[in-house]
Amino acid sequence: MSHPDFFEGLMDWPVYGPRDSRIADRVEELAAMGQRLVEIEDVILAALDARLVAVRNPPTSS
């Protein structure tokens, strides 16, 4: 893969997860409020899916 973050994060992502501890903090806070992990992961997945759509289909200027 030719990506600037490949060796400094992407390779380890599936094992170690995000580097930004704020993400884990938010997950723990939502869990403490009663959210199930599957629900939290659904929110994360929906946000990532929305970003993929935006990147794949950038707005065109008229």
N, C-alpha and C. Protein backbone atom coordinates (compact mmCIF):
# COMPACT_ATOMS: atom_id res chain seq x y z
N MET A 1 0.86 -1.18 0.00
CA MET A 1 0.00 0.00 0.00
C MET A 1 0.89 1.23 0.00
N SER A 2 0.56 2.18 -0.83
CA SER A 2 1.31 3.43 -0.89
C SER A 2 0.52 4.52 -0.16
N HIS A 3 0.73 4.63 1.12
CA HIS A 3 0.03 5.63 1.94
C HIS A 3 0.99 6.13 3.00
N PRO A 4 1.04 7.43 3.26
CA PRO A 4 2.02 7.96 4.23
C PRO A 4 1.87 7.41 5.64
N ASP A 5 0.70 6.91 6.00
CA ASP A 5 0.48 6.39 7.35
C ASP A 5 0.60 4.87 7.43
N PHE A 6 0.97 4.22 6.33
CA PHE A 6 0.94 2.76 6.31
C PHE A 6 1.76 2.14 7.43
N PHE A 7 3.04 2.46 7.52
CA PHE A 7 3.90 1.84 8.52
C PHE A 7 3.75 2.49 9.90
N GLU A 8 3.23 3.69 9.95
CA GLU A 8 3.11 4.41 11.22
C GLU A 8 1.70 4.40 11.78
N GLY A 9 0.90 3.41 11.44
CA GLY A 9 -0.43 3.37 12.01
C GLY A 9 -1.40 2.41 11.35
N LEU A 10 -1.49 2.45 10.05
CA LEU A 10 -2.49 1.62 9.37
C LEU A 10 -2.22 0.13 9.54
N MET A 11 -0.95 -0.27 9.51
CA MET A 11 -0.64 -1.70 9.68
C MET A 11 -1.09 -2.21 11.05
N ASP A 12 -0.98 -1.37 12.07
CA ASP A 12 -1.31 -1.77 13.43
C ASP A 12 -2.76 -1.50 13.82
N TRP A 13 -3.49 -0.79 13.00
CA TRP A 13 -4.85 -0.37 13.36
C TRP A 13 -5.74 -1.54 13.78
N PRO A 14 -5.81 -2.65 13.02
CA PRO A 14 -6.71 -3.73 13.43
C PRO A 14 -6.37 -4.34 14.79
N VAL A 15 -5.10 -4.26 15.18
CA VAL A 15 -4.68 -4.87 16.44
C VAL A 15 -4.76 -3.88 17.60
N TYR A 16 -4.25 -2.68 17.38
CA TYR A 16 -4.11 -1.72 18.48
C TYR A 16 -5.15 -0.62 18.50
N GLY A 17 -5.89 -0.45 17.42
CA GLY A 17 -6.93 0.56 17.39
C GLY A 17 -6.40 1.97 17.22
N PRO A 18 -7.23 2.95 17.53
CA PRO A 18 -6.87 4.34 17.28
C PRO A 18 -5.75 4.83 18.19
N ARG A 19 -4.96 5.73 17.68
CA ARG A 19 -3.90 6.36 18.48
C ARG A 19 -4.45 7.47 19.37
N ASP A 20 -5.51 8.09 18.91
CA ASP A 20 -6.10 9.22 19.63
C ASP A 20 -6.91 8.69 20.81
N SER A 21 -6.44 8.93 22.00
CA SER A 21 -7.10 8.41 23.20
C SER A 21 -8.48 9.02 23.41
N ARG A 22 -8.77 10.15 22.75
CA ARG A 22 -10.10 10.75 22.89
C ARG A 22 -11.18 9.84 22.34
N ILE A 23 -10.83 9.02 21.33
CA ILE A 23 -11.80 8.09 20.77
C ILE A 23 -12.19 7.06 21.83
N ALA A 24 -11.20 6.49 22.50
CA ALA A 24 -11.48 5.52 23.58
C ALA A 24 -12.24 6.19 24.72
N ASP A 25 -11.90 7.44 25.01
CA ASP A 25 -12.60 8.17 26.08
C ASP A 25 -14.08 8.31 25.74
N ARG A 26 -14.38 8.64 24.48
CA ARG A 26 -15.78 8.81 24.07
C ARG A 26 -16.52 7.48 24.14
N VAL A 27 -15.86 6.41 23.72
CA VAL A 27 -16.49 5.09 23.78
C VAL A 27 -16.79 4.73 25.22
N GLU A 28 -15.84 4.94 26.11
CA GLU A 28 -16.05 4.62 27.53
C GLU A 28 -17.16 5.47 28.12
N GLU A 29 -17.22 6.74 27.74
CA GLU A 29 -18.26 7.62 28.26
C GLU A 29 -19.64 7.17 27.80
N LEU A 30 -19.76 6.83 26.53
CA LEU A 30 -21.04 6.33 26.03
C LEU A 30 -21.43 5.01 26.70
N ALA A 31 -20.45 4.14 26.90
CA ALA A 31 -20.72 2.87 27.58
C ALA A 31 -21.18 3.12 29.02
N ALA A 32 -20.56 4.08 29.68
CA ALA A 32 -20.95 4.41 31.06
C ALA A 32 -22.37 4.95 31.12
N MET A 33 -22.85 5.51 30.01
CA MET A 33 -24.22 6.02 29.94
C MET A 33 -25.21 4.94 29.51
N GLY A 34 -24.71 3.71 29.36
CA GLY A 34 -25.60 2.59 29.07
C GLY A 34 -25.61 2.12 27.62
N GLN A 35 -24.85 2.78 26.76
CA GLN A 35 -24.80 2.35 25.36
C GLN A 35 -24.06 1.02 25.26
N ARG A 36 -24.58 0.11 24.46
CA ARG A 36 -23.90 -1.15 24.21
C ARG A 36 -22.79 -0.92 23.20
N LEU A 37 -21.74 -1.72 23.27
CA LEU A 37 -20.61 -1.56 22.37
C LEU A 37 -21.04 -1.70 20.90
N VAL A 38 -21.95 -2.60 20.62
CA VAL A 38 -22.42 -2.77 19.24
C VAL A 38 -23.09 -1.49 18.74
N GLU A 39 -23.80 -0.79 19.61
CA GLU A 39 -24.44 0.48 19.22
C GLU A 39 -23.39 1.55 18.96
N ILE A 40 -22.38 1.59 19.79
CA ILE A 40 -21.31 2.58 19.63
C ILE A 40 -20.56 2.30 18.32
N GLU A 41 -20.30 1.04 18.04
CA GLU A 41 -19.61 0.69 16.80
C GLU A 41 -20.47 1.03 15.59
N ASP A 42 -21.79 0.91 15.71
CA ASP A 42 -22.69 1.31 14.62
C ASP A 42 -22.56 2.80 14.32
N VAL A 43 -22.42 3.60 15.36
CA VAL A 43 -22.25 5.06 15.18
C VAL A 43 -20.93 5.34 14.46
N ILE A 44 -19.87 4.67 14.90
CA ILE A 44 -18.56 4.86 14.27
C ILE A 44 -18.62 4.44 12.81
N LEU A 45 -19.22 3.30 12.54
CA LEU A 45 -19.32 2.80 11.17
C LEU A 45 -20.13 3.75 10.30
N ALA A 46 -21.22 4.28 10.83
CA ALA A 46 -22.06 5.22 10.06
C ALA A 46 -21.26 6.48 9.72
N ALA A 47 -20.47 6.97 10.67
CA ALA A 47 -19.65 8.16 10.40
C ALA A 47 -18.60 7.87 9.33
N LEU A 48 -17.97 6.70 9.40
CA LEU A 48 -16.98 6.33 8.40
C LEU A 48 -17.62 6.13 7.03
N ASP A 49 -18.80 5.52 6.99
CA ASP A 49 -19.51 5.35 5.73
C ASP A 49 -19.87 6.69 5.11
N ALA A 50 -20.32 7.63 5.93
CA ALA A 50 -20.65 8.97 5.43
C ALA A 50 -19.42 9.66 4.86
N ARG A 51 -18.28 9.49 5.52
CA ARG A 51 -17.05 10.10 5.02
C ARG A 51 -16.64 9.47 3.70
N LEU A 52 -16.78 8.15 3.58
CA LEU A 52 -16.45 7.48 2.32
C LEU A 52 -17.31 8.00 1.17
N VAL A 53 -18.59 8.18 1.41
CA VAL A 53 -19.48 8.72 0.39
C VAL A 53 -19.01 10.11 -0.01
N ALA A 54 -18.67 10.95 0.96
CA ALA A 54 -18.24 12.32 0.66
C ALA A 54 -16.92 12.33 -0.12
N VAL A 55 -16.00 11.44 0.21
CA VAL A 55 -14.72 11.41 -0.48
C VAL A 55 -14.88 10.84 -1.89
N ARG A 56 -15.72 9.84 -2.02
CA ARG A 56 -15.93 9.22 -3.33
C ARG A 56 -16.72 10.14 -4.27
N ASN A 57 -17.57 10.97 -3.71
CA ASN A 57 -18.44 11.84 -4.51
C ASN A 57 -18.31 13.29 -4.07
N PRO A 58 -17.15 13.90 -4.30
CA PRO A 58 -16.99 15.29 -3.85
C PRO A 58 -17.97 16.22 -4.57
N PRO A 59 -18.40 17.26 -3.88
CA PRO A 59 -19.34 18.19 -4.51
C PRO A 59 -18.67 18.88 -5.72
N THR A 60 -19.46 19.08 -6.74
CA THR A 60 -18.94 19.77 -7.93
C THR A 60 -19.34 21.24 -7.85
N SER A 61 -18.41 22.10 -8.25
CA SER A 61 -18.75 23.54 -8.25
C SER A 61 -19.44 23.88 -9.55
N SER A 62 -20.44 24.76 -9.44
CA SER A 62 -21.18 25.12 -10.64
C SER A 62 -20.85 26.50 -11.12
